[in-house]
């Protein structure tokens, strides 16, 4: 039993509750939030070390033996995502201090930011399908509050769409859970893995698996992404950055967890379908990214492209493919937070998101301009930055699985992504300066620090990819061998 496993859930939740009590003390909320995030990150790093040396860590809450109690499990896959989530959350939280505004701060912005992190961390750590639904809802309810804070017309319009699609997906999630429990008699993930393996993944179970794929695809914006561009363009910059960095990644995580631990017996159906959905997502997302001249829309469609690329590694279902997916997933959490913070800062400076209305920002803001250039190259997977390693392994994995068409689409859309982000750089930062500092609507003072922090991280992740290779390899081995996860949950206890 390891009590550390549950702390990434408890720390932000308790801290958020304390913030609610001290609603009017904004300074206390800021300090408490930073301490809570740093503590969560420290625990996540300790878990990574323990998992590497001792194996997967788990706890049965309340002392009930699995599968009857509430199981919380930290494998290396979850621990890596916890660390990445902490890093981007810390940057977005600090960025909020200088941009979110006093009115939003007084209406529980900081508590709901931490409640959002509670849902994200809980989704990564839960070992039970029903509790996955619960943590999804904690995350989504918090996001409903964050996306509507401010109450502008655009926010309310897009938030209605966002809430509606998530309510539908949550309903389908409950339906899928009901069918799964009716067939297997359990919702514990490790127990489900055994039950499905014993029964054989017949037509009914494969149909249930596809229903889960639809649910998680709605949440991850895998093919079913029509709600995302507007929803991620409407909220304040810090909120849009944390949404783009984490919310779709929780859906991706759920797809990886379910289709490597539970429904992995019919890959010629489920994983091929995931590959097709990933390919269409990359193509349609890349077309959207190059079609628009609005910074928010370009960046939002690039979120969609990355979803398709990450699941391509799962579709290949090879060591190299999964290795690349995890590398790229870690990279994408950081780079999406970074590029949305820079994009939002540019809009705050110029007062517009339309690229044709300003140019030459790099003359007045060279640090911001060159950090965007670095993030653009990293997003496109240009070596030696962080996106390169993941894309290389994903492409290798698709070729090993003889999914040459999927690897080719990944390469083609990477070029389209490069064009879309360089369009922002060449038109917005480069060229003749048409706006003096006196004409600007905002400032980069103080907000440059969290942006620089994430820029350093994406450079370090690229040059230091070998340094985390052992951890990523352990994560891949755990995904390819479900027995490791099952043994960690049940230990020496008899399996019912």
Protein backbone atom coordinates (compact mmCIF):
# COMPACT_ATOMS: atom_id res chain seq x y z
CA UNK A 1 0.00 0.00 0.00
CA UNK A 2 1.34 3.43 -0.96
CA UNK A 3 -0.53 6.47 0.34
CA UNK A 4 1.41 8.72 -2.04
CA UNK A 5 -0.78 7.47 -4.88
CA UNK A 6 -3.87 9.32 -3.71
CA UNK A 7 -2.16 12.62 -2.83
CA UNK A 8 -2.27 14.13 -6.36
CA UNK A 9 -6.07 13.91 -6.04
CA UNK A 10 -6.40 15.04 -2.43
CA UNK A 11 -3.97 17.99 -2.47
CA UNK A 12 -5.67 20.11 -5.17
CA UNK A 13 -9.15 19.17 -3.93
CA UNK A 14 -8.53 20.17 -0.29
CA UNK A 15 -6.70 23.31 -1.42
CA UNK A 16 -9.62 24.27 -3.65
CA UNK A 17 -12.05 23.80 -0.77
CA UNK A 18 -9.95 26.06 1.46
CA UNK A 19 -9.93 28.69 -1.31
CA UNK A 20 -13.72 28.63 -1.42
CA UNK A 21 -13.84 29.41 2.30
CA UNK A 22 -11.40 32.32 1.86
CA UNK A 23 -13.06 33.63 -1.29
CA UNK A 24 -12.17 37.29 -0.68
CA UNK A 25 -8.52 36.71 0.13
CA UNK A 26 -7.11 36.53 -3.40
CA UNK A 27 -3.48 36.70 -2.26
CA UNK A 28 -3.97 33.63 -0.07
CA UNK A 29 -5.61 31.81 -2.98
CA UNK A 30 -2.67 32.53 -5.25
CA UNK A 31 -0.06 31.35 -2.75
CA UNK A 32 -2.09 28.30 -1.75
CA UNK A 33 -2.60 27.37 -5.39
CA UNK A 34 1.10 27.55 -6.18
CA UNK A 35 1.97 25.50 -3.08
CA UNK A 36 -0.70 22.90 -3.98
CA UNK A 37 0.58 22.56 -7.55
CA UNK A 38 4.22 22.34 -6.45
CA UNK A 39 3.31 19.71 -3.85
CA UNK A 40 1.38 17.71 -6.44
CA UNK A 41 4.33 17.87 -8.84
CA UNK A 42 6.75 16.76 -6.11
CA UNK A 43 4.53 13.77 -5.25
CA UNK A 44 4.23 12.85 -8.95
CA UNK A 45 8.01 12.86 -9.32
CA UNK A 46 8.38 10.70 -6.20
CA UNK A 47 5.87 8.27 -7.70
CA UNK A 48 7.91 8.09 -10.91
CA UNK A 49 11.00 7.16 -8.88
CA UNK A 50 9.11 4.55 -6.84
CA UNK A 51 7.52 2.99 -9.93
CA UNK A 52 10.92 2.72 -11.61
CA UNK A 53 12.48 1.00 -8.60
CA UNK A 54 9.54 -0.93 -7.11
CA UNK A 55 6.94 -1.30 -9.88
CA UNK A 56 3.39 0.00 -10.21
CA UNK A 57 2.00 1.57 -7.03
CA UNK A 58 -1.63 1.03 -5.93
CA UNK A 59 -3.90 1.57 -2.97
CA UNK A 60 -7.31 0.18 -2.03
CA UNK A 61 -9.16 3.12 -0.48
CA UNK A 62 -10.90 2.13 2.74
CA UNK A 63 -9.02 -1.16 2.94
CA UNK A 64 -11.47 -3.10 0.77
CA UNK A 65 -9.79 -5.73 -1.38
CA UNK A 66 -9.96 -5.24 -5.15
CA UNK A 67 -12.26 -5.42 -7.05
CA UNK A 68 -14.79 -4.54 -4.31
CA UNK A 69 -13.21 -1.30 -3.09
CA UNK A 70 -12.06 1.90 -4.76
CA UNK A 71 -8.75 1.25 -6.48
CA UNK A 72 -6.22 3.99 -7.20
CA UNK A 73 -3.27 2.97 -9.37
CA UNK A 74 -0.15 4.83 -10.50
CA UNK A 75 1.76 3.17 -13.30
CA UNK A 76 4.55 4.93 -15.20
CA UNK A 77 2.19 6.08 -17.96
CA UNK A 78 -0.02 7.88 -15.44
CA UNK A 79 2.94 9.26 -13.49
CA UNK A 80 4.54 10.80 -16.58
CA UNK A 81 1.28 12.53 -17.45
CA UNK A 82 0.89 13.76 -13.86
CA UNK A 83 4.29 15.45 -14.04
CA UNK A 84 3.61 16.99 -17.44
CA UNK A 85 0.19 18.21 -16.27
CA UNK A 86 1.74 19.79 -13.17
CA UNK A 87 4.31 21.70 -15.22
CA UNK A 88 1.83 23.24 -17.64
CA UNK A 89 -0.74 23.89 -14.88
CA UNK A 90 1.85 25.80 -12.85
CA UNK A 91 2.70 28.00 -15.83
CA UNK A 92 -0.96 28.71 -16.66
CA UNK A 93 -1.79 29.36 -12.99
CA UNK A 94 1.01 31.95 -12.65
CA UNK A 95 0.05 33.50 -16.01
CA UNK A 96 -3.46 33.97 -14.58
CA UNK A 97 -2.16 36.27 -11.84
CA UNK A 98 -1.48 39.04 -14.37
CA UNK A 99 -4.22 38.46 -16.94
CA UNK A 100 -7.39 36.92 -15.52
CA UNK A 101 -8.77 40.06 -13.88
CA UNK A 102 -10.07 40.85 -10.42
CA UNK A 103 -13.70 40.15 -11.27
CA UNK A 104 -13.02 36.55 -12.31
CA UNK A 105 -10.74 36.04 -9.33
CA UNK A 106 -13.58 36.97 -6.99
CA UNK A 107 -15.88 34.44 -8.68
CA UNK A 108 -13.91 31.33 -7.70
CA UNK A 109 -11.48 31.20 -10.62
CA UNK A 110 -8.59 29.77 -8.59
CA UNK A 111 -10.63 27.14 -6.68
CA UNK A 112 -12.12 25.80 -9.92
CA UNK A 113 -8.69 25.73 -11.53
CA UNK A 114 -7.61 23.34 -8.76
CA UNK A 115 -10.86 21.36 -8.99
CA UNK A 116 -10.10 20.95 -12.70
CA UNK A 117 -6.69 19.54 -11.78
CA UNK A 118 -8.37 17.21 -9.27
CA UNK A 119 -10.46 15.75 -12.09
CA UNK A 120 -7.47 15.48 -14.44
CA UNK A 121 -5.24 13.78 -11.86
CA UNK A 122 -8.04 11.49 -10.71
CA UNK A 123 -8.69 10.39 -14.28
CA UNK A 124 -5.03 9.44 -14.66
CA UNK A 125 -4.92 7.51 -11.38
CA UNK A 126 -8.26 5.75 -11.02
CA UNK A 127 -8.34 1.97 -11.44
CA UNK A 128 -12.11 1.80 -11.81
CA UNK A 129 -14.26 2.65 -14.84
CA UNK A 130 -17.07 4.22 -12.82
CA UNK A 131 -14.64 6.44 -10.95
CA UNK A 132 -13.14 7.39 -14.31
CA UNK A 133 -16.63 8.72 -15.13
CA UNK A 134 -16.74 10.55 -11.77
CA UNK A 135 -13.39 12.25 -12.30
CA UNK A 136 -14.33 13.12 -15.87
CA UNK A 137 -17.38 14.90 -14.45
CA UNK A 138 -15.33 16.73 -11.79
CA UNK A 139 -13.05 17.96 -14.57
CA UNK A 140 -15.93 18.89 -16.88
CA UNK A 141 -18.01 20.72 -14.26
CA UNK A 142 -14.94 22.77 -13.36
CA UNK A 143 -14.35 23.50 -17.04
CA UNK A 144 -17.97 24.65 -17.42
CA UNK A 145 -17.34 27.30 -14.77
CA UNK A 146 -13.99 28.37 -16.22
CA UNK A 147 -15.26 28.65 -19.79
CA UNK A 148 -18.21 30.86 -18.79
CA UNK A 149 -16.41 33.19 -16.34
CA UNK A 150 -16.75 36.69 -17.73
CA UNK A 151 -20.05 36.03 -19.43
CA UNK A 152 -19.25 37.57 -22.81
CA UNK A 153 -21.58 36.80 -25.72
CA UNK A 154 -18.96 34.66 -27.47
CA UNK A 155 -18.21 32.71 -24.30
CA UNK A 156 -21.86 31.94 -23.62
CA UNK A 157 -22.48 30.85 -27.21
CA UNK A 158 -19.49 28.51 -27.33
CA UNK A 159 -19.97 27.26 -23.77
CA UNK A 160 -23.51 26.16 -24.60
CA UNK A 161 -22.13 24.01 -27.42
CA UNK A 162 -19.33 22.73 -25.18
CA UNK A 163 -21.67 21.80 -22.31
CA UNK A 164 -24.20 20.16 -24.62
CA UNK A 165 -21.68 17.88 -26.33
CA UNK A 166 -20.16 16.84 -23.01
CA UNK A 167 -23.56 16.11 -21.46
CA UNK A 168 -24.32 13.84 -24.43
CA UNK A 169 -20.94 12.10 -24.15
CA UNK A 170 -21.42 11.64 -20.39
CA UNK A 171 -24.82 10.04 -21.00
CA UNK A 172 -23.28 7.66 -23.52
CA UNK A 173 -20.51 6.93 -21.01
CA UNK A 174 -23.10 5.81 -18.45
CA UNK A 175 -24.85 3.64 -21.06
CA UNK A 176 -21.55 2.00 -21.98
CA UNK A 177 -20.76 1.39 -18.29
CA UNK A 178 -24.16 -0.22 -17.76
CA UNK A 179 -23.68 -2.60 -20.68
CA UNK A 180 -20.12 -3.41 -19.61
CA UNK A 181 -21.16 -4.19 -16.05
CA UNK A 182 -24.11 -6.25 -17.28
CA UNK A 183 -21.80 -8.44 -19.37
CA UNK A 184 -18.79 -8.73 -17.04
CA UNK A 185 -20.17 -8.06 -13.54
CA UNK A 186 -17.34 -5.67 -12.64
CA UNK A 187 -16.00 -2.18 -13.40
CA UNK A 188 -12.55 -2.54 -11.81
CA UNK A 189 -10.11 -2.13 -14.72
CA UNK A 190 -7.76 -4.94 -13.72
CA UNK A 191 -10.71 -7.27 -13.08
CA UNK A 192 -12.26 -6.25 -16.40
CA UNK A 193 -9.04 -7.16 -18.17
CA UNK A 194 -9.23 -10.67 -16.71
CA UNK A 195 -12.96 -11.09 -17.35
CA UNK A 196 -12.76 -9.98 -20.98
CA UNK A 197 -9.72 -12.22 -21.58
CA UNK A 198 -11.52 -15.22 -20.02
CA UNK A 199 -14.76 -14.67 -21.91
CA UNK A 200 -13.13 -13.72 -25.17
CA UNK A 201 -13.86 -10.39 -26.82
CA UNK A 202 -16.92 -11.49 -28.77
CA UNK A 203 -19.17 -9.33 -30.93
CA UNK A 204 -21.08 -7.86 -27.97
CA UNK A 205 -17.95 -6.84 -26.09
CA UNK A 206 -16.43 -5.40 -29.26
CA UNK A 207 -19.60 -3.36 -29.76
CA UNK A 208 -19.31 -2.06 -26.18
CA UNK A 209 -15.65 -1.26 -26.89
CA UNK A 210 -16.67 0.81 -29.92
CA UNK A 211 -19.24 2.64 -27.78
CA UNK A 212 -16.47 3.54 -25.33
CA UNK A 213 -14.35 4.67 -28.29
CA UNK A 214 -17.14 7.04 -29.36
CA UNK A 215 -17.44 8.43 -25.82
CA UNK A 216 -13.72 9.03 -25.40
CA UNK A 217 -13.41 10.36 -28.95
CA UNK A 218 -15.97 13.05 -28.16
CA UNK A 219 -13.91 14.06 -25.13
CA UNK A 220 -10.56 13.79 -26.94
CA UNK A 221 -11.75 15.50 -30.17
CA UNK A 222 -10.80 12.39 -32.16
CA UNK A 223 -12.67 12.90 -35.46
CA UNK A 224 -15.73 14.20 -33.51
CA UNK A 225 -14.05 17.58 -33.03
CA UNK A 226 -16.65 20.04 -34.33
CA UNK A 227 -17.11 21.54 -30.86
CA UNK A 228 -13.43 22.26 -30.14
CA UNK A 229 -12.30 25.24 -32.31
CA UNK A 230 -14.97 27.60 -30.96
CA UNK A 231 -14.85 26.32 -27.38
CA UNK A 232 -11.07 26.75 -27.12
CA UNK A 233 -11.18 30.20 -28.73
CA UNK A 234 -13.75 31.76 -26.38
CA UNK A 235 -12.29 31.65 -22.80
CA UNK A 236 -9.45 33.79 -21.40
CA UNK A 237 -5.91 32.90 -22.48
CA UNK A 238 -4.90 30.98 -19.33
CA UNK A 239 -8.10 28.90 -19.47
CA UNK A 240 -7.74 28.19 -23.19
CA UNK A 241 -4.12 27.13 -22.59
CA UNK A 242 -4.94 24.67 -19.81
CA UNK A 243 -7.88 23.31 -21.82
CA UNK A 244 -5.76 22.73 -24.91
CA UNK A 245 -2.95 21.20 -22.87
CA UNK A 246 -4.98 18.80 -20.71
CA UNK A 247 -8.65 18.24 -21.51
CA UNK A 248 -8.26 16.38 -24.79
CA UNK A 249 -5.30 14.52 -23.28
CA UNK A 250 -7.54 12.99 -20.61
CA UNK A 251 -9.73 11.58 -23.38
CA UNK A 252 -6.62 10.26 -25.16
CA UNK A 253 -5.40 8.70 -21.91
CA UNK A 254 -8.74 6.93 -21.48
CA UNK A 255 -8.52 5.51 -25.01
CA UNK A 256 -5.00 4.23 -24.37
CA UNK A 257 -5.90 2.76 -21.00
CA UNK A 258 -9.05 0.97 -22.16
CA UNK A 259 -7.65 -0.31 -25.46
CA UNK A 260 -4.39 -1.64 -23.99
CA UNK A 261 -5.73 -3.05 -20.72
CA UNK A 262 -9.29 -4.21 -21.46
CA UNK A 263 -10.22 -4.27 -25.16
CA UNK A 264 -7.01 -5.32 -26.87
CA UNK A 265 -8.11 -8.74 -28.18
CA UNK A 266 -9.58 -7.63 -31.54
CA UNK A 267 -7.09 -5.05 -32.83
CA UNK A 268 -8.07 -5.80 -36.42
CA UNK A 269 -11.40 -4.13 -35.58
CA UNK A 270 -10.86 -1.67 -32.73
CA UNK A 271 -7.32 -0.51 -33.42
CA UNK A 272 -7.81 -0.26 -37.17
CA UNK A 273 -10.88 1.87 -36.49
CA UNK A 274 -8.76 4.05 -34.18
CA UNK A 275 -6.20 4.37 -36.99
CA UNK A 276 -8.82 5.45 -39.52
CA UNK A 277 -10.28 7.99 -37.09
CA UNK A 278 -6.76 9.26 -36.34
CA UNK A 279 -5.98 9.68 -40.04
CA UNK A 280 -9.18 11.61 -40.75
CA UNK A 281 -8.61 13.76 -37.65
CA UNK A 282 -5.10 14.68 -38.83
CA UNK A 283 -6.26 15.53 -42.35
CA UNK A 284 -9.31 17.58 -41.38
CA UNK A 285 -7.50 19.31 -38.53
CA UNK A 286 -4.57 20.26 -40.78
CA UNK A 287 -6.92 21.62 -43.45
CA UNK A 288 -8.60 23.78 -40.81
CA UNK A 289 -5.22 25.01 -39.52
CA UNK A 290 -4.02 26.21 -42.93
CA UNK A 291 -7.41 27.61 -43.99
CA UNK A 292 -7.81 30.25 -41.28
CA UNK A 293 -6.08 33.60 -40.73
CA UNK A 294 -7.29 33.83 -37.14
CA UNK A 295 -4.68 32.96 -34.50
CA UNK A 296 -7.19 31.30 -32.18
CA UNK A 297 -8.60 29.07 -34.91
CA UNK A 298 -5.17 28.09 -36.26
CA UNK A 299 -4.00 27.02 -32.81
CA UNK A 300 -7.28 25.24 -32.02
CA UNK A 301 -7.11 23.16 -35.20
CA UNK A 302 -3.52 22.24 -34.35
CA UNK A 303 -4.85 20.71 -31.12
CA UNK A 304 -7.00 18.47 -33.31
CA UNK A 305 -4.10 17.41 -35.54
CA UNK A 306 -2.05 16.27 -32.56
CA UNK A 307 -4.89 14.08 -31.26
CA UNK A 308 -4.90 12.12 -34.52
CA UNK A 309 -1.12 11.75 -34.51
CA UNK A 310 -0.96 10.49 -30.92
CA UNK A 311 -3.57 7.75 -31.47
CA UNK A 312 -1.76 6.65 -34.63
CA UNK A 313 0.85 5.07 -32.36
CA UNK A 314 -1.90 3.15 -30.54
CA UNK A 315 -3.38 2.02 -33.85
CA UNK A 316 0.02 0.55 -34.78
CA UNK A 317 0.09 -1.18 -31.36
CA UNK A 318 3.83 -1.81 -31.56
CA UNK A 319 6.57 -0.94 -29.07
CA UNK A 320 7.86 1.88 -31.28
CA UNK A 321 4.37 3.24 -31.92
CA UNK A 322 3.45 3.39 -28.24
CA UNK A 323 6.88 4.79 -27.34
CA UNK A 324 6.33 7.60 -29.84
CA UNK A 325 2.79 8.26 -28.62
CA UNK A 326 3.91 8.70 -25.01
CA UNK A 327 6.84 10.92 -25.98
CA UNK A 328 4.55 13.02 -28.15
CA UNK A 329 1.79 13.12 -25.53
CA UNK A 330 4.21 14.59 -22.95
CA UNK A 331 5.53 17.04 -25.55
CA UNK A 332 2.05 18.05 -26.65
CA UNK A 333 0.85 18.84 -23.13
CA UNK A 334 3.71 21.32 -22.73
CA UNK A 335 3.76 22.77 -26.24
CA UNK A 336 0.01 23.37 -26.46
CA UNK A 337 0.04 25.24 -23.16
CA UNK A 338 3.01 27.28 -24.41
CA UNK A 339 1.70 28.18 -27.84
CA UNK A 340 -1.74 29.14 -26.52
CA UNK A 341 -0.15 31.42 -23.91
CA UNK A 342 1.91 33.11 -26.62
CA UNK A 343 -1.08 33.37 -28.95
CA UNK A 344 -3.21 34.90 -26.22
CA UNK A 345 -0.44 37.37 -25.35
CA UNK A 346 -0.19 38.45 -29.00
CA UNK A 347 -3.96 39.04 -29.10
CA UNK A 348 -3.76 41.05 -25.86
CA UNK A 349 -0.98 43.21 -27.35
CA UNK A 350 -2.64 43.89 -30.68
CA UNK A 351 -6.31 43.77 -29.72
CA UNK A 352 -7.07 41.40 -32.58
CA UNK A 353 -6.68 37.74 -33.55
CA UNK A 354 -6.64 38.48 -37.31
CA UNK A 355 -3.19 38.06 -38.79
CA UNK A 356 -3.79 40.51 -41.63
CA UNK A 357 -4.29 43.40 -39.20
CA UNK A 358 -0.80 43.52 -37.65
CA UNK A 359 2.82 42.61 -38.38
CA UNK A 360 6.39 43.11 -37.21
CA UNK A 361 5.81 42.37 -33.52
CA UNK A 362 9.27 40.87 -33.19
CA UNK A 363 10.86 44.34 -33.39
CA UNK A 364 9.17 45.45 -30.14
CA UNK A 365 8.98 41.99 -28.53
CA UNK A 366 11.99 39.94 -29.70
CA UNK A 367 11.86 37.46 -26.80
CA UNK A 368 8.19 36.71 -27.43
CA UNK A 369 8.80 36.38 -31.17
CA UNK A 370 11.71 33.97 -30.91
CA UNK A 371 9.95 31.89 -28.27
CA UNK A 372 7.01 31.55 -30.65
CA UNK A 373 9.44 30.53 -33.41
CA UNK A 374 10.89 27.81 -31.17
CA UNK A 375 7.44 26.59 -30.16
CA UNK A 376 6.31 26.55 -33.81
CA UNK A 377 9.26 24.38 -34.85
CA UNK A 378 8.71 22.10 -31.85
CA UNK A 379 5.01 21.74 -32.67
CA UNK A 380 5.86 20.74 -36.23
CA UNK A 381 8.41 18.17 -35.03
CA UNK A 382 11.57 19.83 -36.32
CA UNK A 383 14.73 18.28 -34.77
CA UNK A 384 16.14 18.51 -32.19
CA UNK A 385 13.08 19.95 -30.41
CA UNK A 386 10.64 17.88 -28.36
CA UNK A 387 8.09 17.04 -31.07
CA UNK A 388 10.67 15.32 -33.26
CA UNK A 389 11.31 12.25 -31.12
CA UNK A 390 7.65 11.33 -30.76
CA UNK A 391 6.89 11.76 -34.46
CA UNK A 392 9.87 9.63 -35.50
CA UNK A 393 8.83 6.72 -33.26
CA UNK A 394 5.14 6.99 -34.23
CA UNK A 395 6.07 6.88 -37.92
CA UNK A 396 8.41 3.94 -37.30
CA UNK A 397 5.64 2.14 -35.41
CA UNK A 398 3.12 2.60 -38.21
CA UNK A 399 5.63 1.27 -40.73
CA UNK A 400 6.40 -1.75 -38.52
CA UNK A 401 2.66 -2.47 -38.38
CA UNK A 402 2.53 -2.04 -42.19
CA UNK A 403 0.18 0.93 -41.82
CA UNK A 404 2.20 2.89 -44.37
CA UNK A 405 -0.77 5.10 -45.27
CA UNK A 406 -1.10 6.21 -41.65
CA UNK A 407 2.59 7.09 -41.34
CA UNK A 408 2.45 8.98 -44.64
CA UNK A 409 -0.56 11.00 -43.47
CA UNK A 410 1.28 11.84 -40.25
CA UNK A 411 4.26 13.15 -42.24
CA UNK A 412 2.10 15.11 -44.68
CA UNK A 413 0.06 16.78 -41.96
CA UNK A 414 3.25 17.69 -40.09
CA UNK A 415 4.24 19.82 -43.08
CA UNK A 416 0.78 21.42 -43.03
CA UNK A 417 1.16 22.15 -39.31
CA UNK A 418 4.54 23.79 -39.98
CA UNK A 419 2.98 25.97 -42.67
CA UNK A 420 0.09 27.01 -40.40
CA UNK A 421 2.27 28.13 -37.47
CA UNK A 422 4.93 29.72 -39.65
CA UNK A 423 2.10 31.71 -41.23
CA UNK A 424 1.57 33.27 -37.80
CA UNK A 425 5.28 33.97 -37.41
CA UNK A 426 5.85 35.40 -40.89
CA UNK A 427 2.71 37.56 -40.91
CA UNK A 428 2.43 38.52 -37.25
CA UNK A 429 6.02 38.73 -36.00
CA UNK A 430 8.06 39.25 -39.16
CA UNK A 431 7.69 42.00 -41.70
CA UNK A 432 7.23 45.73 -41.33
CA UNK A 433 6.19 46.94 -37.87
CA UNK A 434 2.81 48.64 -38.11
CA UNK A 435 2.16 49.10 -34.38
CA UNK A 436 4.31 51.05 -31.95
CA UNK A 437 4.58 50.17 -28.26
CA UNK A 438 2.35 53.16 -27.48
CA UNK A 439 -0.38 51.78 -29.75
CA UNK A 440 -0.38 48.34 -28.12
CA UNK A 441 -3.33 47.30 -25.97
CA UNK A 442 -1.34 45.33 -23.41
CA UNK A 443 2.13 44.41 -22.18
CA UNK A 444 4.39 41.37 -21.90
CA UNK A 445 5.68 42.39 -18.49
CA UNK A 446 5.51 39.55 -15.97
CA UNK A 447 3.60 37.17 -18.33
CA UNK A 448 6.87 36.47 -20.16
CA UNK A 449 8.11 34.38 -17.21
CA UNK A 450 5.64 31.43 -17.48
CA UNK A 451 6.04 31.53 -21.26
CA UNK A 452 9.83 31.34 -20.93
CA UNK A 453 9.45 28.49 -18.42
CA UNK A 454 7.51 26.34 -20.90
CA UNK A 455 9.88 27.29 -23.74
CA UNK A 456 12.85 26.04 -21.73
CA UNK A 457 10.91 22.84 -20.99
CA UNK A 458 10.21 22.07 -24.64
CA UNK A 459 13.89 22.66 -25.52
CA UNK A 460 15.02 20.51 -22.59
CA UNK A 461 12.58 17.74 -23.53
CA UNK A 462 14.01 17.67 -27.05
CA UNK A 463 17.69 17.69 -26.12
CA UNK A 464 17.11 15.53 -23.03
CA UNK A 465 14.84 12.90 -24.59
CA UNK A 466 17.37 10.20 -23.73
CA UNK A 467 17.15 11.21 -20.07
CA UNK A 468 13.51 10.12 -19.78
CA UNK A 469 13.79 7.16 -22.15
CA UNK A 470 13.93 4.61 -19.33
CA UNK A 471 10.74 6.00 -17.81
CA UNK A 472 8.90 6.04 -21.13
CA UNK A 473 10.08 2.49 -21.88
CA UNK A 474 8.66 1.27 -18.56
CA UNK A 475 5.36 2.94 -19.44
CA UNK A 476 5.26 1.20 -22.83
CA UNK A 477 6.07 -2.19 -21.30
CA UNK A 478 3.18 -1.73 -18.89
CA UNK A 479 0.78 -0.93 -21.73
CA UNK A 480 1.90 -3.91 -23.80
CA UNK A 481 1.70 -6.38 -20.89
CA UNK A 482 -1.59 -6.02 -18.94
CA UNK A 483 -0.49 -8.68 -16.44
CA UNK A 484 1.88 -6.14 -14.83
CA UNK A 485 -1.04 -3.83 -14.05
CA UNK A 486 -3.27 -6.69 -12.88
CA UNK A 487 -0.61 -8.07 -10.53
CA UNK A 488 -0.05 -4.62 -9.03
CA UNK A 489 -3.77 -4.26 -8.25
CA UNK A 490 -4.45 -7.75 -6.84
CA UNK A 491 -1.00 -8.64 -5.50
CA UNK A 492 -1.09 -11.97 -3.70
CA UNK A 493 -4.83 -11.75 -2.98
CA UNK A 494 -7.11 -14.32 -4.61
CA UNK A 495 -8.92 -12.99 -7.68
CA UNK A 496 -12.71 -13.50 -7.48
